[in-house]
Amino acid sequence: MLGSMTVEWVILYFLYGQVFFVMGLVTGLQWRRHSRLELARALPWLTAFGIAHGLNEWGYIFVPLQTVSMPTNMATVVYLGHLMLLAVSFFFLFQFGVELPTPLFPKHRWLRDVPGAVLVLWLGALVLRAMWLQEPLDLILSIGDGWSRYFLCFPGAMLAAVGLYRQARRVREMGLPRIDRYLTGAAVAFAVYGLVGGLIVPTAPFLPASIINHDLLNQAIHVPAPVFRSLCGLAMAFFVTRSLTVFQAESDHRIAQIEQAHLLAADRERIGRELHDGTIQNIYAAGLGLEAAQHAIEGDPVQAQEQIQAVMATLNRTIQNIRTYIFDLYAEEQIVMLRGTLDDLVHELRLDAILDVDLQVCDLRCGKLTTAQTAHLIQIIREALSNIGQHAQATHATTSLHCEQGRMRLTITDDGIGMPATTTGPGAHQGRGISNMQARAALLQGEFAFESAPEQGTQITVLFPCGAEVGA
């Protein structure tokens, strides 16, 4: 029933099945039940599709081997079971595609039952045709394969592409552009797979399978259809796997929101306490002084004048305290912005370079950063992490930022290949990255140190005073 298979075909089907099987396992392991994204609710169906379709492709290798010594009836059952596994895998894909855009149609929940109904109709039509026409098994398998691709694979892959594109737009609104691109790539891969895997089918005695089929593709470009499907499967596995980092990003975003809420609550309590214990008490005392001066203004004008002057001094001190307090709040806002930006930089590097980055930010309230200082500091860190991701070939990096006696210390280290001694001396750097960091450190009125050796990693240290004037 299945002709002799060459070593190349065995390798092709093995890799084809492995791509889908691994995709199913990875999506299952990274599934997040409590995510707010529609992708999380639909992901178990994609997991089932990947595993089932991978097993089906491996079946093209092992089923012919196992049925050689079987009785004809038992071998027929095995081949039909293999065909059923193919249809079930496409049913999972169809269900995945239906689940993704379902929120667009809240009044049409019945759409979720369409894939199951199509699978039942496919099976019923195939059984009736086999019983009515008594066709050979090879022909029944070709017809069943073609019908499953037309009515299950093609609509499922196209719906999945539409749903993933919608998820890409939503992720873009969340401020995750790289994950947005991965989801868009996954959408394109599913759409192409829908065309290659859903419309190009084995030759069968019905339209359009009798015209557009595997034989036509092979004659036209001399490349078998499974090769195209393997490439599509590889693209689907890559983009889907990288897209699943959206769940970690969503979790990080929730944690950051919770931390921010706690910080805001603590700040509100602290602001209320300090206003009550300091500012309001001073204003209340000034009011009492003015009331006493009002009573003394007729009997003892000199004493009234002294009391008014004391009240004016109290009010001036209060105004100065409020100004200082506002400046402190502004400095804290800069620190909050700095920490948020550092978290984003580290997360982007983890996604792009697959690099383990450890961020250590100690209490920064001892130092007050201006807007210009925050901007220069962020650019130094961005430049350093970018260099590590592109050139260091490192597996781990550490970014440390903390205050010490009114000075801010930034230390960035990695375990990469380092640099030869001939390129670490003054004026020896060929690129602009290190010189840019040196220039920014100088604008911060700080000190810059760069240490590196072959196979011993690199360390960058910047030490500058907090609140200092910053150059242009």
Protein backbone atom coordinates (compact mmCIF):
# COMPACT_ATOMS: atom_id res chain seq x y z
CA MET A 1 0.00 0.00 0.00
CA LEU A 2 2.91 2.30 0.72
CA GLY A 3 5.76 1.82 -1.66
CA SER A 4 9.35 1.28 -0.73
CA MET A 5 10.68 4.24 1.22
CA THR A 6 14.21 5.52 0.70
CA VAL A 7 16.47 6.71 3.50
CA GLU A 8 15.84 10.34 2.48
CA TRP A 9 12.09 9.90 2.92
CA VAL A 10 12.57 8.23 6.29
CA ILE A 11 14.70 11.16 7.48
CA LEU A 12 12.21 13.66 6.05
CA TYR A 13 9.20 12.13 7.78
CA PHE A 14 11.14 11.67 11.01
CA LEU A 15 12.19 15.34 11.10
CA TYR A 16 8.74 16.46 9.98
CA GLY A 17 7.12 14.56 12.82
CA GLN A 18 9.73 15.70 15.33
CA VAL A 19 9.12 19.38 14.52
CA PHE A 20 5.40 19.10 15.26
CA PHE A 21 5.86 16.84 18.27
CA VAL A 22 8.33 19.23 19.89
CA MET A 23 6.05 22.17 19.15
CA GLY A 24 3.22 20.36 20.93
CA LEU A 25 5.37 19.58 23.97
CA VAL A 26 6.73 23.11 24.26
CA THR A 27 3.32 24.75 23.95
CA GLY A 28 1.95 22.37 26.56
CA LEU A 29 4.76 23.10 29.01
CA GLN A 30 4.45 26.88 28.64
CA TRP A 31 0.67 27.01 28.84
CA ARG A 32 -0.73 29.49 31.39
CA ARG A 33 -4.26 28.68 32.51
CA HIS A 34 -4.91 32.04 34.19
CA SER A 35 -3.69 34.29 31.39
CA ARG A 36 -6.07 36.93 30.06
CA LEU A 37 -5.04 36.28 26.45
CA GLU A 38 -7.30 34.23 24.19
CA LEU A 39 -4.18 32.38 23.11
CA ALA A 40 -3.93 30.75 26.55
CA ARG A 41 -7.45 29.31 26.35
CA ALA A 42 -6.85 27.88 22.87
CA LEU A 43 -3.31 26.64 23.46
CA PRO A 44 -4.21 23.09 24.64
CA TRP A 45 -5.72 22.44 21.21
CA LEU A 46 -2.47 23.50 19.54
CA THR A 47 -0.60 21.20 21.92
CA ALA A 48 -2.85 18.30 20.92
CA PHE A 49 -2.41 19.12 17.22
CA GLY A 50 1.38 19.19 17.44
CA ILE A 51 1.64 15.88 19.30
CA ALA A 52 -1.01 14.09 17.21
CA HIS A 53 0.35 15.35 13.89
CA GLY A 54 3.91 14.45 14.87
CA LEU A 55 2.81 10.90 15.70
CA ASN A 56 0.93 10.74 12.40
CA GLU A 57 4.02 11.70 10.40
CA TRP A 58 6.10 9.11 12.24
CA GLY A 59 3.36 6.66 11.28
CA TYR A 60 4.41 6.96 7.64
CA ILE A 61 7.67 5.32 8.71
CA PHE A 62 6.53 2.72 11.21
CA VAL A 63 3.09 1.64 9.90
CA PRO A 64 4.44 0.03 6.69
CA LEU A 65 7.13 -1.74 8.73
CA GLN A 66 4.65 -3.11 11.26
CA THR A 67 2.07 -4.28 8.71
CA VAL A 68 4.44 -6.36 6.59
CA SER A 69 3.86 -9.51 8.63
CA MET A 70 0.25 -8.74 9.62
CA PRO A 71 -2.85 -10.40 8.16
CA THR A 72 -4.58 -8.31 5.51
CA ASN A 73 -7.58 -7.44 7.69
CA MET A 74 -5.41 -6.30 10.60
CA ALA A 75 -3.14 -4.29 8.31
CA THR A 76 -6.21 -2.58 6.86
CA VAL A 77 -7.33 -1.59 10.36
CA VAL A 78 -3.87 -0.17 11.12
CA TYR A 79 -3.84 1.92 7.93
CA LEU A 80 -7.34 3.22 8.59
CA GLY A 81 -6.34 4.04 12.16
CA HIS A 82 -3.38 5.98 10.81
CA LEU A 83 -5.71 7.92 8.52
CA MET A 84 -8.02 8.60 11.47
CA LEU A 85 -5.08 9.99 13.46
CA LEU A 86 -4.37 12.40 10.60
CA ALA A 87 -7.97 13.63 10.59
CA VAL A 88 -8.03 13.96 14.39
CA SER A 89 -4.84 16.02 14.33
CA PHE A 90 -6.44 18.39 11.81
CA PHE A 91 -9.55 18.48 14.01
CA PHE A 92 -7.35 19.77 16.86
CA LEU A 93 -5.91 22.42 14.52
CA PHE A 94 -9.43 23.41 13.42
CA GLN A 95 -10.54 23.67 17.06
CA PHE A 96 -7.51 25.82 17.86
CA GLY A 97 -8.37 28.12 14.98
CA VAL A 98 -12.00 28.40 16.13
CA GLU A 99 -11.11 29.09 19.77
CA LEU A 100 -8.83 32.05 19.00
CA PRO A 101 -11.40 34.40 17.40
CA THR A 102 -14.40 33.10 19.37
CA PRO A 103 -14.53 36.24 21.60
CA LEU A 104 -15.44 38.19 18.46
CA PHE A 105 -18.71 36.24 18.32
CA PRO A 106 -20.02 36.03 21.91
CA LYS A 107 -23.53 35.18 20.67
CA HIS A 108 -22.31 32.37 18.41
CA ARG A 109 -20.78 29.90 20.83
CA TRP A 110 -22.04 27.12 18.58
CA LEU A 111 -19.04 27.80 16.34
CA ARG A 112 -16.98 25.73 18.77
CA ASP A 113 -18.96 22.67 17.71
CA VAL A 114 -18.20 23.10 14.01
CA PRO A 115 -14.84 21.22 13.98
CA GLY A 116 -16.37 18.21 15.73
CA ALA A 117 -19.33 18.20 13.33
CA VAL A 118 -17.00 18.37 10.32
CA LEU A 119 -14.94 15.47 11.69
CA VAL A 120 -18.08 13.35 12.11
CA LEU A 121 -19.26 14.23 8.59
CA TRP A 122 -15.82 13.37 7.18
CA LEU A 123 -15.85 9.98 8.86
CA GLY A 124 -19.46 9.24 7.84
CA ALA A 125 -18.89 10.23 4.22
CA LEU A 126 -15.73 8.13 4.01
CA VAL A 127 -17.43 5.05 5.49
CA LEU A 128 -20.44 5.38 3.19
CA ARG A 129 -18.23 5.77 0.10
CA ALA A 130 -16.10 2.77 1.07
CA MET A 131 -19.20 0.60 1.66
CA TRP A 132 -21.00 1.80 -1.48
CA LEU A 133 -18.21 1.73 -4.07
CA GLN A 134 -15.98 -1.02 -2.63
CA GLU A 135 -12.84 0.86 -3.72
CA PRO A 136 -9.27 -0.32 -3.06
CA LEU A 137 -7.70 0.65 0.24
CA ASP A 138 -5.04 2.85 -1.39
CA LEU A 139 -7.76 4.91 -3.05
CA ILE A 140 -9.78 5.19 0.15
CA LEU A 141 -6.70 6.40 2.00
CA SER A 142 -6.01 9.04 -0.69
CA ILE A 143 -9.62 10.23 -0.66
CA GLY A 144 -9.74 10.38 3.15
CA ASP A 145 -6.44 12.23 3.24
CA GLY A 146 -7.66 14.79 0.70
CA TRP A 147 -11.01 15.35 2.39
CA SER A 148 -9.37 15.83 5.80
CA ARG A 149 -7.05 18.47 4.39
CA TYR A 150 -9.78 20.33 2.48
CA PHE A 151 -12.40 20.39 5.26
CA LEU A 152 -10.29 20.31 8.44
CA CYS A 153 -6.72 21.40 7.81
CA PHE A 154 -7.30 24.33 5.44
CA PRO A 155 -10.04 26.16 7.43
CA GLY A 156 -8.28 25.36 10.71
CA ALA A 157 -4.93 26.78 9.58
CA MET A 158 -6.54 29.90 8.12
CA LEU A 159 -8.57 30.58 11.25
CA ALA A 160 -5.43 30.03 13.33
CA ALA A 161 -3.59 32.58 11.17
CA VAL A 162 -6.37 35.14 11.68
CA GLY A 163 -6.50 34.49 15.42
CA LEU A 164 -2.73 34.74 15.85
CA TYR A 165 -2.69 38.01 13.91
CA ARG A 166 -5.34 39.37 16.28
CA GLN A 167 -3.22 38.26 19.21
CA ALA A 168 -0.26 40.09 17.65
CA ARG A 169 -2.27 43.32 17.57
CA ARG A 170 -3.28 42.90 21.19
CA VAL A 171 0.28 42.17 22.28
CA ARG A 172 1.41 45.26 20.37
CA GLU A 173 -1.02 47.30 22.46
CA MET A 174 0.59 45.79 25.57
CA GLY A 175 3.91 47.31 24.50
CA LEU A 176 5.67 44.06 23.48
CA PRO A 177 6.81 44.70 19.89
CA ARG A 178 9.16 41.73 19.61
CA ILE A 179 6.54 39.23 20.71
CA ASP A 180 4.16 40.96 18.33
CA ARG A 181 6.53 40.14 15.47
CA TYR A 182 6.80 36.51 16.57
CA LEU A 183 3.01 36.17 16.63
CA THR A 184 2.77 37.78 13.21
CA GLY A 185 5.39 35.34 11.91
CA ALA A 186 3.39 32.46 13.39
CA ALA A 187 0.26 33.75 11.66
CA VAL A 188 2.06 33.84 8.30
CA ALA A 189 3.47 30.33 8.88
CA PHE A 190 0.01 28.92 9.61
CA ALA A 191 -1.44 30.64 6.55
CA VAL A 192 1.24 29.17 4.29
CA TYR A 193 0.77 25.78 5.92
CA GLY A 194 -2.95 26.05 5.20
CA LEU A 195 -2.16 26.49 1.50
CA VAL A 196 0.58 23.85 1.26
CA GLY A 197 -0.87 21.32 3.66
CA GLY A 198 -4.55 21.97 3.10
CA LEU A 199 -4.89 22.45 -0.66
CA ILE A 200 -2.09 20.30 -2.09
CA VAL A 201 -3.30 16.75 -1.44
CA PRO A 202 -2.65 13.22 -2.73
CA THR A 203 -4.11 12.44 -6.16
CA ALA A 204 -7.78 11.45 -5.85
CA PRO A 205 -10.74 11.02 -8.26
CA PHE A 206 -12.49 14.31 -7.42
CA LEU A 207 -11.89 17.99 -8.01
CA PRO A 208 -9.63 19.74 -7.29
CA ALA A 209 -7.53 16.80 -6.01
CA SER A 210 -7.40 15.32 -9.52
CA ILE A 211 -5.62 18.47 -10.78
CA ILE A 212 -3.86 20.20 -7.86
CA ASN A 213 -2.04 17.42 -6.05
CA HIS A 214 1.33 16.08 -4.96
CA ASP A 215 2.17 14.83 -8.46
CA LEU A 216 1.59 18.25 -10.03
CA LEU A 217 3.83 19.95 -7.48
CA ASN A 218 6.56 17.36 -7.94
CA GLN A 219 6.42 17.67 -11.74
CA ALA A 220 6.40 21.47 -11.64
CA ILE A 221 9.29 22.16 -9.26
CA HIS A 222 10.62 18.67 -8.49
CA VAL A 223 10.19 19.19 -4.75
CA PRO A 224 7.86 16.84 -2.83
CA ALA A 225 4.99 18.40 -0.86
CA PRO A 226 6.23 17.01 2.49
CA VAL A 227 9.36 19.16 2.12
CA PHE A 228 7.26 22.33 1.98
CA ARG A 229 5.13 21.15 4.87
CA SER A 230 8.29 20.41 6.87
CA LEU A 231 9.57 23.94 6.29
CA CYS A 232 6.20 25.38 7.30
CA GLY A 233 6.19 23.19 10.39
CA LEU A 234 9.67 24.40 11.31
CA ALA A 235 8.59 28.04 10.94
CA MET A 236 5.43 27.37 12.96
CA ALA A 237 7.42 25.70 15.74
CA PHE A 238 9.98 28.52 15.89
CA PHE A 239 7.53 31.43 15.90
CA VAL A 240 5.03 29.76 18.23
CA THR A 241 7.75 28.83 20.72
CA ARG A 242 9.17 32.35 20.75
CA SER A 243 5.67 33.82 20.96
CA LEU A 244 4.92 31.91 24.15
CA THR A 245 7.24 34.23 26.05
CA VAL A 246 4.21 36.53 26.06
CA PHE A 247 2.94 34.61 29.09
CA GLN A 248 6.11 35.35 31.03
CA ALA A 249 5.93 38.97 29.94
CA GLU A 250 2.30 39.11 31.06
CA SER A 251 3.25 37.62 34.44
CA ASP A 252 6.11 40.11 34.82
CA HIS A 253 3.72 42.92 33.94
CA ARG A 254 1.24 41.79 36.59
CA ILE A 255 3.98 41.49 39.20
CA ALA A 256 5.21 44.97 38.29
CA GLN A 257 1.67 46.34 38.63
CA ILE A 258 1.29 44.72 42.05
CA GLU A 259 4.63 46.10 43.19
CA GLN A 260 3.71 49.52 41.84
CA ALA A 261 0.37 49.41 43.68
CA HIS A 262 2.14 48.53 46.94
CA LEU A 263 4.64 51.34 46.41
CA LEU A 264 1.85 53.83 45.68
CA ALA A 265 -0.07 52.76 48.78
CA ALA A 266 3.06 53.07 50.91
CA ASP A 267 3.82 56.48 49.40
CA ARG A 268 0.27 57.70 50.03
CA GLU A 269 0.49 56.61 53.66
CA ARG A 270 3.92 58.21 54.07
CA ILE A 271 2.84 61.45 52.37
CA GLY A 272 -0.27 61.67 54.53
CA ARG A 273 1.72 61.00 57.71
CA GLU A 274 4.43 63.54 56.90
CA LEU A 275 1.91 66.22 55.87
CA HIS A 276 -0.05 65.65 59.08
CA ASP A 277 2.97 65.55 61.41
CA GLY A 278 4.93 68.34 59.76
CA THR A 279 3.26 70.71 57.33
CA ILE A 280 -0.25 70.75 58.80
CA GLN A 281 1.08 71.17 62.34
CA ASN A 282 3.20 74.14 61.26
CA ILE A 283 0.26 75.77 59.49
CA TYR A 284 -1.91 75.16 62.56
CA ALA A 285 0.75 76.77 64.76
CA ALA A 286 0.91 79.74 62.38
CA GLY A 287 -2.85 80.14 62.65
CA LEU A 288 -2.65 80.18 66.46
CA GLY A 289 0.13 82.80 66.26
CA LEU A 290 -1.97 85.02 64.02
CA GLU A 291 -4.92 84.67 66.38
CA ALA A 292 -2.75 85.72 69.34
CA ALA A 293 -1.40 88.67 67.35
CA GLN A 294 -4.94 89.76 66.55
CA HIS A 295 -5.78 89.92 70.27
CA ALA A 296 -2.58 91.78 71.11
CA ILE A 297 -2.63 94.28 68.26
CA GLU A 298 -4.56 96.95 70.22
CA GLY A 299 -3.01 96.50 73.66
CA ASP A 300 0.61 95.74 72.66
CA PRO A 301 1.34 96.48 68.97
CA VAL A 302 5.04 95.66 69.37
CA GLN A 303 4.29 92.17 70.67
CA ALA A 304 1.73 91.67 67.90
CA GLN A 305 4.32 92.66 65.31
CA GLU A 306 6.84 90.18 66.77
CA GLN A 307 4.24 87.43 66.69
CA ILE A 308 3.40 88.20 63.06
CA GLN A 309 7.09 88.05 62.14
CA ALA A 310 7.39 84.68 63.90
CA VAL A 311 4.39 83.42 61.94
CA MET A 312 5.95 84.63 58.69
CA ALA A 313 9.17 82.78 59.53
CA THR A 314 7.18 79.61 60.27
CA LEU A 315 5.31 79.89 56.98
CA ASN A 316 8.58 80.44 55.04
CA ARG A 317 10.07 77.33 56.65
CA THR A 318 6.93 75.41 55.77
CA ILE A 319 7.09 76.55 52.14
CA GLN A 320 10.75 75.50 51.97
CA ASN A 321 9.89 72.11 53.46
CA ILE A 322 7.13 71.61 50.90
CA ARG A 323 9.50 72.49 48.06
CA THR A 324 12.08 70.05 49.37
CA TYR A 325 9.41 67.40 49.75
CA ILE A 326 8.21 67.94 46.15
CA PHE A 327 11.79 67.63 44.90
CA ASP A 328 12.18 64.37 46.83
CA LEU A 329 9.00 63.03 45.24
CA TYR A 330 10.30 64.04 41.81
CA ALA A 331 13.59 62.25 42.49
CA GLU A 332 11.70 59.14 43.55
CA GLU A 333 9.71 59.32 40.33
CA GLN A 334 12.99 59.29 38.39
CA ILE A 335 14.09 56.21 40.35
CA VAL A 336 10.80 54.42 39.60
CA MET A 337 11.18 55.26 35.90
CA LEU A 338 14.77 54.04 35.96
CA ARG A 339 13.83 50.71 37.53
CA GLY A 340 11.02 50.18 35.04
CA THR A 341 13.30 50.93 32.10
CA LEU A 342 15.97 48.56 33.42
CA ASP A 343 13.40 45.78 33.74
CA ASP A 344 12.34 46.36 30.12
CA LEU A 345 15.94 46.36 28.86
CA VAL A 346 16.75 43.12 30.66
CA HIS A 347 13.56 41.46 29.43
CA GLU A 348 14.26 42.48 25.81
CA LEU A 349 17.79 41.07 26.02
CA ARG A 350 16.49 37.78 27.41
CA LEU A 351 14.11 37.50 24.46
CA ASP A 352 16.50 38.57 21.70
CA ALA A 353 19.81 37.05 22.79
CA ILE A 354 18.48 34.17 24.92
CA LEU A 355 20.84 35.45 27.64
CA ASP A 356 20.37 35.01 31.38
CA VAL A 357 20.55 38.53 32.83
CA ASP A 358 20.59 39.15 36.58
CA LEU A 359 19.38 42.62 37.59
CA GLN A 360 20.40 43.81 41.07
CA VAL A 361 18.98 47.21 42.06
CA CYS A 362 19.45 48.10 45.72
CA ASP A 363 17.63 50.89 47.57
CA LEU A 364 18.24 54.05 45.53
CA ARG A 365 16.47 56.49 47.85
CA CYS A 366 19.80 57.63 49.23
CA GLY A 367 20.58 59.23 45.89
CA LYS A 368 18.60 61.83 43.92
CA LEU A 369 18.81 61.51 40.15
CA THR A 370 17.92 64.28 37.75
CA THR A 371 16.21 63.65 34.44
CA ALA A 372 19.46 64.14 32.54
CA GLN A 373 21.34 61.74 34.83
CA THR A 374 18.62 59.11 34.42
CA ALA A 375 18.74 59.46 30.62
CA HIS A 376 22.55 59.10 30.46
CA LEU A 377 22.51 56.15 32.87
CA ILE A 378 19.87 54.33 30.83
CA GLN A 379 21.84 54.84 27.61
CA ILE A 380 25.04 53.51 29.21
CA ILE A 381 23.23 50.37 30.37
CA ARG A 382 21.51 49.95 27.01
CA GLU A 383 24.83 50.23 25.15
CA ALA A 384 26.60 47.79 27.49
CA LEU A 385 23.85 45.15 27.35
CA SER A 386 23.59 45.51 23.58
CA ASN A 387 27.32 44.88 23.23
CA ILE A 388 27.06 41.80 25.44
CA GLY A 389 24.17 40.40 23.45
CA GLN A 390 25.85 40.99 20.07
CA HIS A 391 29.55 40.35 20.66
CA ALA A 392 30.35 38.77 24.02
CA GLN A 393 28.95 35.26 23.30
CA ALA A 394 28.01 35.21 26.98
CA THR A 395 25.49 32.99 28.74
CA HIS A 396 25.07 35.13 31.86
CA ALA A 397 25.33 38.82 32.64
CA THR A 398 24.82 40.85 35.81
CA THR A 399 23.73 44.49 36.07
CA SER A 400 24.14 46.02 39.53
CA LEU A 401 23.08 49.53 40.55
CA HIS A 402 23.25 50.93 44.09
CA CYS A 403 24.04 54.04 46.14
CA GLU A 404 27.03 54.57 48.36
CA GLN A 405 27.42 57.86 50.28
CA GLY A 406 25.66 60.05 47.76
CA ARG A 407 27.31 58.43 44.74
CA MET A 408 25.74 55.98 42.30
CA ARG A 409 27.70 52.88 41.30
CA LEU A 410 26.81 50.93 38.16
CA THR A 411 28.54 47.59 37.49
CA ILE A 412 27.88 45.39 34.44
CA THR A 413 29.68 42.05 34.10
CA ASP A 414 29.42 39.06 31.75
CA ASP A 415 31.01 35.64 31.35
CA GLY A 416 31.71 36.03 27.64
CA ILE A 417 34.84 35.68 25.54
CA GLY A 418 36.27 39.00 26.71
CA MET A 419 38.70 41.10 24.69
CA PRO A 420 42.44 40.77 24.03
CA ALA A 421 44.73 43.01 26.03
CA THR A 422 45.68 44.90 22.87
CA THR A 423 42.09 46.13 22.50
CA THR A 424 41.40 47.16 26.09
CA GLY A 425 43.93 49.93 26.50
CA PRO A 426 43.18 53.65 26.14
CA GLY A 427 42.31 54.57 22.62
CA ALA A 428 42.40 50.96 21.45
CA HIS A 429 38.66 50.44 21.01
CA GLN A 430 37.60 50.19 17.42
CA GLY A 431 33.87 50.58 17.95
CA ARG A 432 31.84 53.54 19.14
CA GLY A 433 30.09 51.73 22.00
CA ILE A 434 32.80 52.03 24.68
CA SER A 435 33.75 55.56 23.69
CA ASN A 436 30.09 56.59 23.90
CA MET A 437 29.83 55.14 27.41
CA GLN A 438 33.03 56.96 28.41
CA ALA A 439 31.63 60.23 27.07
CA ARG A 440 28.36 59.81 28.96
CA ALA A 441 30.23 58.99 32.17
CA ALA A 442 32.23 62.19 31.72
CA LEU A 443 29.01 64.17 31.24
CA LEU A 444 27.82 62.68 34.54
CA GLN A 445 31.06 64.00 36.13
CA GLY A 446 31.81 60.39 36.96
CA GLU A 447 34.48 57.74 36.58
CA PHE A 448 34.44 55.01 33.92
CA ALA A 449 36.36 51.72 34.14
CA PHE A 450 36.55 48.93 31.57
CA GLU A 451 38.19 45.61 32.43
CA SER A 452 38.39 42.61 30.10
CA ALA A 453 40.60 39.64 29.30
CA PRO A 454 40.34 36.75 26.81
CA GLU A 455 37.90 34.06 27.98
CA GLN A 456 37.42 35.89 31.31
CA GLY A 457 34.49 38.11 30.50
CA THR A 458 34.15 41.87 30.80
CA GLN A 459 33.32 44.31 33.59
CA ILE A 460 32.16 47.91 33.16
CA THR A 461 32.00 50.23 36.17
CA VAL A 462 30.55 53.75 36.29
CA LEU A 463 30.69 55.82 39.50
CA PHE A 464 29.17 59.32 39.59
CA PRO A 465 27.75 61.77 42.16
CA CYS A 466 23.99 61.98 42.54
CA GLY A 467 22.31 65.28 41.71
CA ALA A 468 25.37 66.77 40.02
CA GLU A 469 25.11 69.12 37.07
CA VAL A 470 25.15 67.24 33.78
CA GLY A 471 26.80 68.41 30.57
CA ALA A 472 24.99 68.67 27.26
